[in-house]
Amino acid sequence: MNLSFTAPTFPITAAIPASIATSWAEEADGRIRSDGVILRFGSDQTIYTEGERGHIFFKVLSGTVRACKFFYDGRRQINAFHTAGDVFGVEAGTDYSYTAEAVCDCSVISYRRQELDRLTLLDAGLSRQLFFYAMRNLAHAQGHGLLLGRKSAIEKVATFLIDWSEQSSEKGIIVLSMTRKDLADYLGLTIETVSRTLSSLERQGIIGLDSARQIRLVNPAALQGMQS
């Protein structure tokens, strides 16, 4: 049997696609919601820390969560941003491999890992969906590695803006929940470089900086062309 695969373009948040998200909500979340606990976190609060026992996984209801690692010298690397509908904290091993923090005020549902394990044993369809989700996260990690290692500052910022715009509820308008420091730590740049790059894109008439957190895509085609 011949199998072919076309690699999709994955958004930076590694969000579950609509079809899979709907199925997840109906088949998985609906079954274990009674065992889930809604938790609320304020800006910059820690949800869990790298190295802790990963016996709980989460689904974002509102707000944004950042997944990050801290280095011995105090540096921070943000690996992903999770937004409403995203599932995080599902680990291959027994411990969390990164720290999860609230970027802004957010609500999540927490579920016991053992419940997920039980359901996947009973439901092959759910197992396939979670496998697909894991593959998306792997693809995101690979894409983020490319973003950090090979792209210039303007390519990194352009890629971030294009990817983030795909989640926007208003076409051409990006509302960021994260700070410039968060952006810098995600893109592997300094805060100053992020700010200079955004200002340069504005001077070129490619974006408009309506406020510190709201960006207009004035010329999306030009921004697309800067991604590589």
N, C-alpha and C. Protein backbone atom coordinates (compact mmCIF):
# COMPACT_ATOMS: atom_id res chain seq x y z
N MET A 1 0.85 -1.19 0.00
CA MET A 1 0.00 0.00 0.00
C MET A 1 0.89 1.24 0.00
N ASN A 2 0.62 2.15 -0.89
CA ASN A 2 1.40 3.38 -0.99
C ASN A 2 0.70 4.48 -0.21
N LEU A 3 1.45 5.13 0.66
CA LEU A 3 0.91 6.23 1.44
C LEU A 3 1.63 7.51 1.07
N SER A 4 0.90 8.59 0.93
CA SER A 4 1.51 9.89 0.66
C SER A 4 1.11 10.85 1.75
N PHE A 5 1.99 11.79 2.03
CA PHE A 5 1.73 12.75 3.10
C PHE A 5 2.22 14.12 2.67
N THR A 6 1.35 15.09 2.76
CA THR A 6 1.71 16.47 2.47
C THR A 6 1.83 17.22 3.78
N ALA A 7 2.99 17.75 4.06
CA ALA A 7 3.22 18.43 5.34
C ALA A 7 2.41 19.70 5.42
N PRO A 8 1.54 19.84 6.45
CA PRO A 8 0.76 21.06 6.60
C PRO A 8 1.58 22.16 7.24
N THR A 9 1.04 23.37 7.20
CA THR A 9 1.65 24.49 7.89
C THR A 9 1.04 24.59 9.27
N PHE A 10 1.86 24.51 10.30
CA PHE A 10 1.35 24.49 11.66
C PHE A 10 1.48 25.86 12.28
N PRO A 11 0.42 26.35 12.95
CA PRO A 11 0.49 27.63 13.63
C PRO A 11 1.42 27.54 14.83
N ILE A 12 1.91 28.68 15.31
CA ILE A 12 2.89 28.70 16.37
C ILE A 12 2.36 28.17 17.68
N THR A 13 1.07 28.16 17.87
CA THR A 13 0.53 27.70 19.12
C THR A 13 0.30 26.22 19.15
N ALA A 14 0.50 25.56 18.04
CA ALA A 14 0.23 24.13 17.95
C ALA A 14 -1.20 23.81 18.35
N ALA A 15 -2.13 24.66 17.97
CA ALA A 15 -3.53 24.45 18.31
C ALA A 15 -4.09 23.25 17.55
N ILE A 16 -5.03 22.54 18.17
CA ILE A 16 -5.67 21.43 17.51
C ILE A 16 -6.55 21.97 16.39
N PRO A 17 -6.51 21.40 15.17
CA PRO A 17 -7.34 21.88 14.08
C PRO A 17 -8.81 21.78 14.43
N ALA A 18 -9.65 22.56 13.74
CA ALA A 18 -11.07 22.64 14.08
C ALA A 18 -11.75 21.28 14.10
N SER A 19 -11.47 20.46 13.10
CA SER A 19 -12.13 19.15 13.03
C SER A 19 -11.74 18.27 14.19
N ILE A 20 -10.45 18.31 14.53
CA ILE A 20 -9.97 17.49 15.64
C ILE A 20 -10.43 18.08 16.97
N ALA A 21 -10.41 19.42 17.06
CA ALA A 21 -10.83 20.07 18.30
C ALA A 21 -12.29 19.76 18.60
N THR A 22 -13.14 19.80 17.56
CA THR A 22 -14.55 19.50 17.75
C THR A 22 -14.74 18.07 18.22
N SER A 23 -14.01 17.17 17.58
CA SER A 23 -14.10 15.76 17.95
C SER A 23 -13.60 15.54 19.37
N TRP A 24 -12.48 16.22 19.69
CA TRP A 24 -11.94 16.12 21.05
C TRP A 24 -12.98 16.59 22.06
N ALA A 25 -13.60 17.74 21.78
CA ALA A 25 -14.57 18.29 22.71
C ALA A 25 -15.74 17.35 22.92
N GLU A 26 -16.20 16.73 21.84
CA GLU A 26 -17.36 15.86 21.92
C GLU A 26 -17.03 14.51 22.52
N GLU A 27 -15.88 13.93 22.12
CA GLU A 27 -15.58 12.56 22.51
C GLU A 27 -14.79 12.45 23.80
N ALA A 28 -13.91 13.41 24.04
CA ALA A 28 -13.04 13.29 25.21
C ALA A 28 -13.49 14.22 26.33
N ASP A 29 -13.53 15.50 26.05
CA ASP A 29 -13.83 16.47 27.10
C ASP A 29 -15.21 16.21 27.69
N GLY A 30 -16.17 15.84 26.82
CA GLY A 30 -17.51 15.58 27.31
C GLY A 30 -17.57 14.42 28.27
N ARG A 31 -16.68 13.46 28.10
CA ARG A 31 -16.70 12.27 28.95
C ARG A 31 -16.03 12.51 30.30
N ILE A 32 -15.04 13.36 30.33
CA ILE A 32 -14.29 13.51 31.58
C ILE A 32 -14.48 14.89 32.22
N ARG A 33 -15.39 15.70 31.65
CA ARG A 33 -15.61 17.03 32.22
C ARG A 33 -16.03 16.93 33.68
N SER A 34 -16.80 15.91 34.02
CA SER A 34 -17.25 15.78 35.40
C SER A 34 -16.07 15.61 36.36
N ASP A 35 -14.95 15.12 35.84
CA ASP A 35 -13.76 14.94 36.67
C ASP A 35 -12.80 16.12 36.56
N GLY A 36 -13.11 17.07 35.70
CA GLY A 36 -12.23 18.22 35.51
C GLY A 36 -12.50 19.30 36.54
N VAL A 37 -11.47 20.08 36.83
CA VAL A 37 -11.58 21.18 37.78
C VAL A 37 -11.18 22.46 37.07
N ILE A 38 -12.03 23.47 37.12
CA ILE A 38 -11.71 24.76 36.51
C ILE A 38 -10.80 25.55 37.44
N LEU A 39 -9.68 25.99 36.91
CA LEU A 39 -8.71 26.77 37.67
C LEU A 39 -8.51 28.12 37.00
N ARG A 40 -8.31 29.15 37.79
CA ARG A 40 -8.07 30.49 37.26
C ARG A 40 -6.71 30.99 37.75
N PHE A 41 -5.99 31.59 36.83
CA PHE A 41 -4.65 32.09 37.14
C PHE A 41 -4.54 33.55 36.71
N GLY A 42 -3.84 34.33 37.51
CA GLY A 42 -3.57 35.70 37.15
C GLY A 42 -2.32 35.81 36.30
N SER A 43 -2.09 36.99 35.75
CA SER A 43 -0.94 37.23 34.89
C SER A 43 0.36 36.82 35.58
N ASP A 44 1.18 36.04 34.87
CA ASP A 44 2.50 35.57 35.31
C ASP A 44 2.46 34.51 36.42
N GLN A 45 1.29 34.03 36.77
CA GLN A 45 1.24 32.94 37.75
C GLN A 45 1.70 31.63 37.13
N THR A 46 2.37 30.82 37.93
CA THR A 46 2.85 29.52 37.47
C THR A 46 1.75 28.47 37.60
N ILE A 47 1.52 27.72 36.53
CA ILE A 47 0.55 26.63 36.53
C ILE A 47 1.23 25.34 36.98
N TYR A 48 2.38 25.06 36.42
CA TYR A 48 3.23 23.98 36.92
C TYR A 48 4.66 24.26 36.51
N THR A 49 5.59 23.57 37.15
CA THR A 49 7.02 23.81 36.96
C THR A 49 7.70 22.60 36.35
N GLU A 50 8.65 22.86 35.47
CA GLU A 50 9.44 21.78 34.87
C GLU A 50 10.00 20.87 35.96
N GLY A 51 9.87 19.56 35.74
CA GLY A 51 10.39 18.60 36.69
C GLY A 51 9.36 18.09 37.68
N GLU A 52 8.22 18.80 37.82
CA GLU A 52 7.16 18.31 38.69
C GLU A 52 6.50 17.08 38.07
N ARG A 53 5.88 16.28 38.90
CA ARG A 53 5.19 15.08 38.43
C ARG A 53 4.03 15.50 37.52
N GLY A 54 4.00 14.98 36.31
CA GLY A 54 3.00 15.38 35.32
C GLY A 54 1.74 14.55 35.39
N HIS A 55 1.05 14.55 36.53
CA HIS A 55 -0.15 13.73 36.69
C HIS A 55 -1.43 14.47 36.32
N ILE A 56 -1.31 15.73 35.90
CA ILE A 56 -2.45 16.55 35.50
C ILE A 56 -2.18 17.12 34.12
N PHE A 57 -3.21 17.13 33.25
CA PHE A 57 -3.10 17.87 32.00
C PHE A 57 -4.23 18.89 31.93
N PHE A 58 -4.14 19.82 30.99
CA PHE A 58 -5.00 20.99 31.02
C PHE A 58 -5.55 21.33 29.63
N LYS A 59 -6.68 22.02 29.65
CA LYS A 59 -7.25 22.60 28.43
C LYS A 59 -7.54 24.07 28.71
N VAL A 60 -7.11 24.95 27.81
CA VAL A 60 -7.30 26.39 28.00
C VAL A 60 -8.74 26.76 27.67
N LEU A 61 -9.40 27.44 28.59
CA LEU A 61 -10.74 27.97 28.35
C LEU A 61 -10.68 29.40 27.85
N SER A 62 -9.83 30.21 28.46
CA SER A 62 -9.67 31.60 28.05
C SER A 62 -8.29 32.08 28.44
N GLY A 63 -7.82 33.11 27.73
CA GLY A 63 -6.50 33.63 28.01
C GLY A 63 -5.40 32.90 27.25
N THR A 64 -4.17 33.15 27.64
CA THR A 64 -3.00 32.57 26.98
C THR A 64 -2.03 32.01 28.01
N VAL A 65 -1.48 30.85 27.70
CA VAL A 65 -0.49 30.19 28.56
C VAL A 65 0.82 30.07 27.79
N ARG A 66 1.94 30.33 28.43
CA ARG A 66 3.23 30.15 27.78
C ARG A 66 3.94 28.93 28.36
N ALA A 67 4.57 28.18 27.49
CA ALA A 67 5.39 27.03 27.88
C ALA A 67 6.84 27.44 27.76
N CYS A 68 7.60 27.36 28.83
CA CYS A 68 8.96 27.91 28.79
C CYS A 68 9.94 27.09 29.62
N LYS A 69 11.20 27.33 29.33
CA LYS A 69 12.30 26.73 30.07
C LYS A 69 13.18 27.85 30.62
N PHE A 70 13.71 27.64 31.81
CA PHE A 70 14.61 28.60 32.44
C PHE A 70 16.00 27.99 32.53
N PHE A 71 17.01 28.79 32.19
CA PHE A 71 18.39 28.33 32.21
C PHE A 71 19.08 28.78 33.50
N TYR A 72 20.19 28.14 33.80
CA TYR A 72 20.89 28.39 35.06
C TYR A 72 21.31 29.85 35.22
N ASP A 73 21.53 30.54 34.08
CA ASP A 73 21.98 31.93 34.14
C ASP A 73 20.83 32.93 34.16
N GLY A 74 19.60 32.43 34.29
CA GLY A 74 18.44 33.31 34.38
C GLY A 74 17.71 33.55 33.08
N ARG A 75 18.30 33.11 31.97
CA ARG A 75 17.62 33.30 30.69
C ARG A 75 16.38 32.42 30.60
N ARG A 76 15.43 32.88 29.79
CA ARG A 76 14.19 32.14 29.59
C ARG A 76 13.96 31.93 28.10
N GLN A 77 13.53 30.73 27.73
CA GLN A 77 13.15 30.44 26.35
C GLN A 77 11.70 29.99 26.35
N ILE A 78 10.86 30.72 25.61
CA ILE A 78 9.46 30.32 25.47
C ILE A 78 9.33 29.40 24.27
N ASN A 79 8.76 28.23 24.49
CA ASN A 79 8.64 27.24 23.43
C ASN A 79 7.32 27.32 22.68
N ALA A 80 6.26 27.77 23.35
CA ALA A 80 4.94 27.81 22.71
C ALA A 80 4.00 28.70 23.50
N PHE A 81 2.98 29.20 22.81
CA PHE A 81 1.87 29.89 23.44
C PHE A 81 0.62 29.04 23.21
N HIS A 82 -0.15 28.80 24.27
CA HIS A 82 -1.38 28.03 24.16
C HIS A 82 -2.56 28.96 24.41
N THR A 83 -3.56 28.90 23.53
CA THR A 83 -4.74 29.75 23.65
C THR A 83 -5.99 28.89 23.77
N ALA A 84 -7.16 29.54 23.84
CA ALA A 84 -8.43 28.84 24.10
C ALA A 84 -8.61 27.64 23.17
N GLY A 85 -8.90 26.50 23.77
CA GLY A 85 -9.09 25.26 23.02
C GLY A 85 -7.88 24.37 23.00
N ASP A 86 -6.71 24.92 23.29
CA ASP A 86 -5.48 24.12 23.28
C ASP A 86 -5.39 23.23 24.52
N VAL A 87 -4.82 22.06 24.32
CA VAL A 87 -4.53 21.13 25.42
C VAL A 87 -3.02 21.15 25.66
N PHE A 88 -2.61 21.19 26.92
CA PHE A 88 -1.18 21.19 27.22
C PHE A 88 -0.94 20.39 28.50
N GLY A 89 0.31 20.03 28.70
CA GLY A 89 0.66 19.26 29.88
C GLY A 89 0.55 17.76 29.69
N VAL A 90 0.30 17.32 28.43
CA VAL A 90 0.28 15.88 28.14
C VAL A 90 1.71 15.47 27.81
N GLU A 91 2.35 14.77 28.71
CA GLU A 91 3.76 14.46 28.58
C GLU A 91 3.99 13.00 28.20
N ALA A 92 5.08 12.76 27.47
CA ALA A 92 5.45 11.39 27.12
C ALA A 92 5.99 10.65 28.34
N GLY A 93 6.67 11.38 29.22
CA GLY A 93 7.22 10.78 30.42
C GLY A 93 6.36 11.05 31.63
N THR A 94 6.95 10.90 32.80
CA THR A 94 6.19 11.06 34.04
C THR A 94 6.22 12.48 34.58
N ASP A 95 7.21 13.28 34.14
CA ASP A 95 7.38 14.64 34.67
C ASP A 95 7.15 15.68 33.58
N TYR A 96 6.79 16.89 34.00
CA TYR A 96 6.64 17.99 33.05
C TYR A 96 8.01 18.38 32.49
N SER A 97 8.06 18.57 31.19
CA SER A 97 9.33 18.88 30.53
C SER A 97 9.55 20.38 30.37
N TYR A 98 8.58 21.19 30.77
CA TYR A 98 8.73 22.64 30.72
C TYR A 98 7.84 23.26 31.79
N THR A 99 7.98 24.54 32.01
CA THR A 99 7.16 25.29 32.96
C THR A 99 6.02 25.96 32.22
N ALA A 100 4.83 25.92 32.77
CA ALA A 100 3.67 26.58 32.17
C ALA A 100 3.25 27.75 33.05
N GLU A 101 3.09 28.92 32.42
CA GLU A 101 2.71 30.13 33.14
C GLU A 101 1.57 30.84 32.42
N ALA A 102 0.76 31.55 33.17
CA ALA A 102 -0.29 32.37 32.58
C ALA A 102 0.32 33.65 32.03
N VAL A 103 0.08 33.93 30.76
CA VAL A 103 0.55 35.19 30.17
C VAL A 103 -0.29 36.34 30.68
N CYS A 104 -1.59 36.10 30.80
CA CYS A 104 -2.56 37.08 31.28
C CYS A 104 -3.56 36.32 32.14
N ASP A 105 -4.60 36.99 32.61
CA ASP A 105 -5.63 36.27 33.36
C ASP A 105 -6.19 35.16 32.47
N CYS A 106 -6.22 33.96 32.97
CA CYS A 106 -6.70 32.85 32.15
C CYS A 106 -7.42 31.81 33.00
N SER A 107 -8.25 31.02 32.32
CA SER A 107 -8.96 29.91 32.96
C SER A 107 -8.62 28.63 32.22
N VAL A 108 -8.41 27.57 32.96
CA VAL A 108 -8.11 26.27 32.37
C VAL A 108 -8.93 25.20 33.09
N ILE A 109 -9.15 24.08 32.40
CA ILE A 109 -9.71 22.91 33.05
C ILE A 109 -8.56 21.93 33.28
N SER A 110 -8.45 21.43 34.49
CA SER A 110 -7.42 20.43 34.79
C SER A 110 -8.06 19.05 34.86
N TYR A 111 -7.36 18.07 34.29
CA TYR A 111 -7.84 16.69 34.27
C TYR A 111 -6.75 15.77 34.81
N ARG A 112 -7.16 14.70 35.44
CA ARG A 112 -6.20 13.71 35.92
C ARG A 112 -5.64 12.91 34.75
N ARG A 113 -4.33 12.76 34.71
CA ARG A 113 -3.67 12.01 33.64
C ARG A 113 -4.17 10.56 33.59
N GLN A 114 -4.43 9.97 34.74
CA GLN A 114 -4.86 8.57 34.76
C GLN A 114 -6.20 8.40 34.05
N GLU A 115 -7.03 9.46 34.06
CA GLU A 115 -8.31 9.39 33.36
C GLU A 115 -8.08 9.37 31.86
N LEU A 116 -7.12 10.16 31.40
CA LEU A 116 -6.78 10.15 29.98
C LEU A 116 -6.25 8.78 29.57
N ASP A 117 -5.38 8.22 30.39
CA ASP A 117 -4.83 6.90 30.09
C ASP A 117 -5.94 5.86 29.99
N ARG A 118 -6.91 5.93 30.89
CA ARG A 118 -8.00 4.96 30.88
C ARG A 118 -8.85 5.09 29.62
N LEU A 119 -9.17 6.35 29.25
CA LEU A 119 -10.02 6.57 28.09
C LEU A 119 -9.34 6.13 26.80
N THR A 120 -8.05 6.36 26.68
CA THR A 120 -7.37 5.98 25.45
C THR A 120 -7.29 4.46 25.30
N LEU A 121 -7.28 3.75 26.42
CA LEU A 121 -7.30 2.29 26.35
C LEU A 121 -8.65 1.78 25.86
N LEU A 122 -9.71 2.53 26.18
CA LEU A 122 -11.06 2.11 25.83
C LEU A 122 -11.50 2.59 24.45
N ASP A 123 -10.87 3.63 23.95
CA ASP A 123 -11.35 4.27 22.72
C ASP A 123 -10.20 4.45 21.74
N ALA A 124 -10.16 3.62 20.70
CA ALA A 124 -9.09 3.70 19.70
C ALA A 124 -9.15 5.02 18.94
N GLY A 125 -10.36 5.53 18.70
CA GLY A 125 -10.51 6.79 17.98
C GLY A 125 -9.89 7.94 18.74
N LEU A 126 -10.10 7.98 20.03
CA LEU A 126 -9.51 9.02 20.87
C LEU A 126 -7.99 8.90 20.87
N SER A 127 -7.49 7.68 20.90
CA SER A 127 -6.05 7.46 20.86
C SER A 127 -5.45 8.03 19.59
N ARG A 128 -6.13 7.84 18.46
CA ARG A 128 -5.64 8.37 17.19
C ARG A 128 -5.63 9.89 17.20
N GLN A 129 -6.66 10.50 17.79
CA GLN A 129 -6.72 11.96 17.86
C GLN A 129 -5.58 12.52 18.69
N LEU A 130 -5.30 11.88 19.81
CA LEU A 130 -4.22 12.35 20.66
C LEU A 130 -2.86 12.14 20.00
N PHE A 131 -2.75 11.07 19.23
CA PHE A 131 -1.52 10.85 18.48
C PHE A 131 -1.33 11.97 17.46
N PHE A 132 -2.40 12.36 16.78
CA PHE A 132 -2.33 13.45 15.81
C PHE A 132 -1.93 14.75 16.51
N TYR A 133 -2.50 14.99 17.69
CA TYR A 133 -2.15 16.17 18.47
C TYR A 133 -0.67 16.17 18.83
N ALA A 134 -0.16 15.00 19.23
CA ALA A 134 1.25 14.89 19.58
C ALA A 134 2.13 15.17 18.37
N MET A 135 1.71 14.70 17.19
CA MET A 135 2.47 14.95 15.98
C MET A 135 2.47 16.43 15.62
N ARG A 136 1.38 17.12 15.89
CA ARG A 136 1.33 18.56 15.65
C ARG A 136 2.32 19.28 16.56
N ASN A 137 2.36 18.87 17.81
CA ASN A 137 3.31 19.49 18.73
C ASN A 137 4.75 19.24 18.30
N LEU A 138 5.01 18.04 17.79
CA LEU A 138 6.35 17.72 17.30
C LEU A 138 6.69 18.61 16.11
N ALA A 139 5.73 18.77 15.19
CA ALA A 139 5.97 19.62 14.02
C ALA A 139 6.19 21.07 14.44
N HIS A 140 5.43 21.50 15.44
CA HIS A 140 5.64 22.86 15.95
C HIS A 140 7.04 23.03 16.52
N ALA A 141 7.48 22.05 17.30
CA ALA A 141 8.81 22.12 17.89
C ALA A 141 9.88 22.19 16.82
N GLN A 142 9.70 21.43 15.74
CA GLN A 142 10.67 21.46 14.64
C GLN A 142 10.64 22.83 13.95
N GLY A 143 9.44 23.35 13.73
CA GLY A 143 9.32 24.66 13.10
C GLY A 143 9.91 25.76 13.96
N HIS A 144 9.71 25.65 15.28
CA HIS A 144 10.26 26.66 16.17
C HIS A 144 11.78 26.59 16.20
N GLY A 145 12.32 25.39 16.10
CA GLY A 145 13.77 25.24 16.02
C GLY A 145 14.33 25.92 14.79
N LEU A 146 13.62 25.78 13.66
CA LEU A 146 14.03 26.45 12.43
C LEU A 146 13.94 27.96 12.58
N LEU A 147 12.88 28.41 13.22
CA LEU A 147 12.68 29.84 13.44
C LEU A 147 13.83 30.42 14.24
N LEU A 148 14.25 29.71 15.28
CA LEU A 148 15.32 30.20 16.14
C LEU A 148 16.69 30.13 15.48
N GLY A 149 16.91 29.09 14.69
CA GLY A 149 18.26 28.82 14.20
C GLY A 149 18.63 29.42 12.88
N ARG A 150 17.67 29.68 12.01
CA ARG A 150 18.03 30.05 10.65
C ARG A 150 17.50 31.39 10.17
N LYS A 151 16.52 31.94 10.83
CA LYS A 151 15.89 33.13 10.29
C LYS A 151 16.45 34.41 10.90
N SER A 152 16.44 35.47 10.09
CA SER A 152 16.86 36.79 10.58
C SER A 152 15.77 37.36 11.48
N ALA A 153 16.07 38.49 12.12
CA ALA A 153 15.10 39.10 13.03
C ALA A 153 13.81 39.45 12.32
N ILE A 154 13.91 40.04 11.12
CA ILE A 154 12.70 40.45 10.42
C ILE A 154 11.90 39.23 9.95
N GLU A 155 12.60 38.15 9.58
CA GLU A 155 11.91 36.92 9.18
C GLU A 155 11.19 36.30 10.37
N LYS A 156 11.83 36.33 11.54
CA LYS A 156 11.20 35.78 12.74
C LYS A 156 9.94 36.55 13.10
N VAL A 157 10.03 37.88 13.12
CA VAL A 157 8.88 38.70 13.49
C VAL A 157 7.77 38.55 12.47
N ALA A 158 8.11 38.54 11.19
CA ALA A 158 7.10 38.38 10.14
C ALA A 158 6.38 37.05 10.27
N THR A 159 7.14 35.99 10.52
CA THR A 159 6.54 34.66 10.68
C THR A 159 5.59 34.63 11.87
N PHE A 160 6.02 35.23 12.97
CA PHE A 160 5.16 35.28 14.16
C PHE A 160 3.86 36.02 13.87
N LEU A 161 3.95 37.18 13.23
CA LEU A 161 2.75 37.98 12.97
C LEU A 161 1.79 37.26 12.04
N ILE A 162 2.31 36.64 10.99
CA ILE A 162 1.45 35.90 10.06
C ILE A 162 0.77 34.75 10.77
N ASP A 163 1.53 33.99 11.53
CA ASP A 163 0.96 32.84 12.24
C ASP A 163 -0.10 33.28 13.26
N TRP A 164 0.23 34.33 14.01
CA TRP A 164 -0.71 34.80 15.04
C TRP A 164 -1.96 35.40 14.42
N SER A 165 -1.84 36.00 13.24
CA SER A 165 -3.01 36.60 12.59
C SER A 165 -4.04 35.55 12.19
N GLU A 166 -3.59 34.31 11.99
CA GLU A 166 -4.51 33.24 11.60
C GLU A 166 -5.48 32.89 12.72
N GLN A 167 -5.16 33.31 13.94
CA GLN A 167 -6.06 33.06 15.07
C GLN A 167 -6.95 34.25 15.37
N SER A 168 -6.72 35.36 14.71
CA SER A 168 -7.43 36.59 15.03
C SER A 168 -8.90 36.50 14.64
N SER A 169 -9.76 37.02 15.50
CA SER A 169 -11.19 37.03 15.21
C SER A 169 -11.55 38.14 14.23
N GLU A 170 -10.69 39.13 14.10
CA GLU A 170 -10.92 40.24 13.17
C GLU A 170 -9.79 40.26 12.14
N LYS A 171 -10.16 40.07 10.88
CA LYS A 171 -9.16 39.95 9.83
C LYS A 171 -8.26 41.18 9.77
N GLY A 172 -6.97 40.93 9.73
CA GLY A 172 -6.00 42.01 9.60
C GLY A 172 -5.65 42.70 10.90
N ILE A 173 -6.26 42.28 12.00
CA ILE A 173 -5.98 42.88 13.30
C ILE A 173 -5.44 41.80 14.24
N ILE A 174 -4.29 42.07 14.83
CA ILE A 174 -3.69 41.14 15.79
C ILE A 174 -3.70 41.79 17.16
N VAL A 175 -4.34 41.13 18.12
CA VAL A 175 -4.32 41.60 19.50
C VAL A 175 -3.44 40.63 20.29
N LEU A 176 -2.35 41.14 20.80
CA LEU A 176 -1.37 40.30 21.50
C LEU A 176 -1.63 40.31 23.00
N SER A 177 -1.67 39.14 23.60
CA SER A 177 -1.81 39.05 25.05
C SER A 177 -0.45 39.10 25.73
N MET A 178 0.60 38.84 24.94
CA MET A 178 1.95 38.77 25.52
C MET A 178 2.69 40.10 25.39
N THR A 179 3.73 40.26 26.21
CA THR A 179 4.55 41.46 26.20
C THR A 179 5.65 41.35 25.14
N ARG A 180 6.36 42.45 24.92
CA ARG A 180 7.51 42.40 24.01
C ARG A 180 8.60 41.47 24.56
N LYS A 181 8.70 41.40 25.88
CA LYS A 181 9.65 40.47 26.50
C LYS A 181 9.28 39.03 26.16
N ASP A 182 8.00 38.71 26.21
CA ASP A 182 7.54 37.37 25.82
C ASP A 182 7.89 37.08 24.36
N LEU A 183 7.63 38.06 23.49
CA LEU A 183 7.95 37.89 22.07
C LEU A 183 9.44 37.64 21.88
N ALA A 184 10.24 38.44 22.57
CA ALA A 184 11.69 38.30 22.44
C ALA A 184 12.15 36.91 22.88
N ASP A 185 11.61 36.43 23.98
CA ASP A 185 12.02 35.12 24.50
C ASP A 185 11.49 33.98 23.64
N TYR A 186 10.42 34.21 22.91
CA TYR A 186 9.91 33.18 21.98
C TYR A 186 10.73 33.16 20.69
N LEU A 187 11.09 34.34 20.21
CA LEU A 187 11.78 34.45 18.93
C LEU A 187 13.30 34.35 19.05
N GLY A 188 13.82 34.33 20.27
CA GLY A 188 15.27 34.27 20.44
C GLY A 188 15.95 35.58 20.09
N LEU A 189 15.27 36.69 20.40
CA LEU A 189 15.79 38.03 20.12
C LEU A 189 15.81 38.83 21.42
N THR A 190 16.38 40.04 21.35
CA THR A 190 16.29 40.95 22.48
C THR A 190 15.02 41.78 22.35
N ILE A 191 14.59 42.37 23.47
CA ILE A 191 13.41 43.24 23.43
C ILE A 191 13.66 44.40 22.47
N GLU A 192 14.87 44.94 22.51
CA GLU A 192 15.19 46.08 21.65
C GLU A 192 15.09 45.70 20.18
N THR A 193 15.55 44.51 19.82
CA THR A 193 15.49 44.08 18.43
C THR A 193 14.05 43.89 17.98
N VAL A 194 13.22 43.31 18.84
CA VAL A 194 11.80 43.15 18.51
C VAL A 194 11.15 44.51 18.27
N SER A 195 11.42 45.46 19.16
CA SER A 195 10.83 46.80 19.03
C SER A 195 11.31 47.50 17.77
N ARG A 196 12.62 47.41 17.48
CA ARG A 196 13.16 48.04 16.28
C ARG A 196 12.57 47.42 15.02
N THR A 197 12.40 46.11 15.03
CA THR A 197 11.87 45.42 13.85
C THR A 197 10.42 45.81 13.60
N LEU A 198 9.62 45.88 14.66
CA LEU A 198 8.23 46.30 14.51
C LEU A 198 8.15 47.73 14.01
N SER A 199 8.99 48.60 14.54
CA SER A 199 9.01 50.00 14.10
C SER A 199 9.42 50.11 12.64
N SER A 200 10.38 49.29 12.22
CA SER A 200 10.81 49.28 10.82
C SER A 200 9.68 48.83 9.90
N LEU A 201 8.96 47.80 10.30
CA LEU A 201 7.83 47.32 9.50
C LEU A 201 6.74 48.39 9.40
N GLU A 202 6.57 49.15 10.46
CA GLU A 202 5.58 50.23 10.43
C GLU A 202 6.03 51.34 9.48
N ARG A 203 7.30 51.72 9.54
CA ARG A 203 7.81 52.77 8.65
C ARG A 203 7.69 52.37 7.18
N GLN A 204 7.80 51.08 6.91
CA GLN A 204 7.68 50.59 5.53
C GLN A 204 6.23 50.47 5.08
N GLY A 205 5.30 50.76 5.97
CA GLY A 205 3.89 50.68 5.61
C GLY A 205 3.35 49.26 5.54
N ILE A 206 4.03 48.33 6.21
CA ILE A 206 3.62 46.92 6.16
C ILE A 206 2.67 46.59 7.31
N ILE A 207 2.91 47.20 8.46
CA ILE A 207 2.01 47.03 9.61
C ILE A 207 1.70 48.40 10.20
N GLY A 208 0.69 48.44 11.05
CA GLY A 208 0.38 49.63 11.82
C GLY A 208 0.37 49.27 13.29
N LEU A 209 1.07 50.04 14.11
CA LEU A 209 1.11 49.79 15.55
C LEU A 209 0.06 50.65 16.22
N ASP A 210 -1.15 50.11 16.35
CA ASP A 210 -2.25 50.87 16.94
C ASP A 210 -2.03 51.11 18.43
N SER A 211 -1.40 50.15 19.09
CA SER A 211 -1.06 50.27 20.51
C SER A 211 0.04 49.25 20.79
N ALA A 212 0.46 49.17 22.04
CA ALA A 212 1.52 48.23 22.38
C ALA A 212 1.10 46.78 22.14
N ARG A 213 -0.20 46.51 22.18
CA ARG A 213 -0.70 45.14 22.04
C ARG A 213 -1.55 44.91 20.79
N GLN A 214 -1.82 45.95 20.02
CA GLN A 214 -2.66 45.76 18.82
C GLN A 214 -1.90 46.17 17.56
N ILE A 215 -1.86 45.26 16.59
CA ILE A 215 -1.11 45.47 15.35
C ILE A 215 -2.04 45.25 14.16
N ARG A 216 -1.99 46.16 13.20
CA ARG A 216 -2.75 46.01 11.95
C ARG A 216 -1.83 45.52 10.85
N LEU A 217 -2.30 44.55 10.08
CA LEU A 217 -1.55 44.10 8.91
C LEU A 217 -1.98 44.94 7.72
N VAL A 218 -1.19 45.95 7.39
CA VAL A 218 -1.51 46.86 6.30
C VAL A 218 -1.22 46.21 4.95
N ASN A 219 -0.12 45.50 4.87
CA ASN A 219 0.29 44.83 3.63
C ASN A 219 0.67 43.38 3.95
N PRO A 220 -0.33 42.51 4.12
CA PRO A 220 -0.05 41.11 4.49
C PRO A 220 0.82 40.38 3.47
N ALA A 221 0.64 40.71 2.18
CA ALA A 221 1.42 40.03 1.14
C ALA A 221 2.91 40.31 1.32
N ALA A 222 3.24 41.57 1.62
CA ALA A 222 4.65 41.92 1.84
C ALA A 222 5.20 41.20 3.07
N LEU A 223 4.36 41.10 4.09
CA LEU A 223 4.78 40.41 5.30
C LEU A 223 5.00 38.93 5.03
N GLN A 224 4.12 38.34 4.23
CA GLN A 224 4.28 36.94 3.85
C GLN A 224 5.61 36.72 3.14
N GLY A 225 5.97 37.66 2.28
CA GLY A 225 7.20 37.53 1.52
C GLY A 225 8.46 37.63 2.35
N MET A 226 8.33 38.14 3.57
CA MET A 226 9.49 38.30 4.45
C MET A 226 9.74 37.08 5.33
N GLN A 227 8.90 36.06 5.22
CA GLN A 227 9.03 34.91 6.11
C GLN A 227 10.24 34.04 5.81
N SER A 228 10.75 34.11 4.57
CA SER A 228 11.88 33.25 4.24
C SER A 228 12.78 33.94 3.23
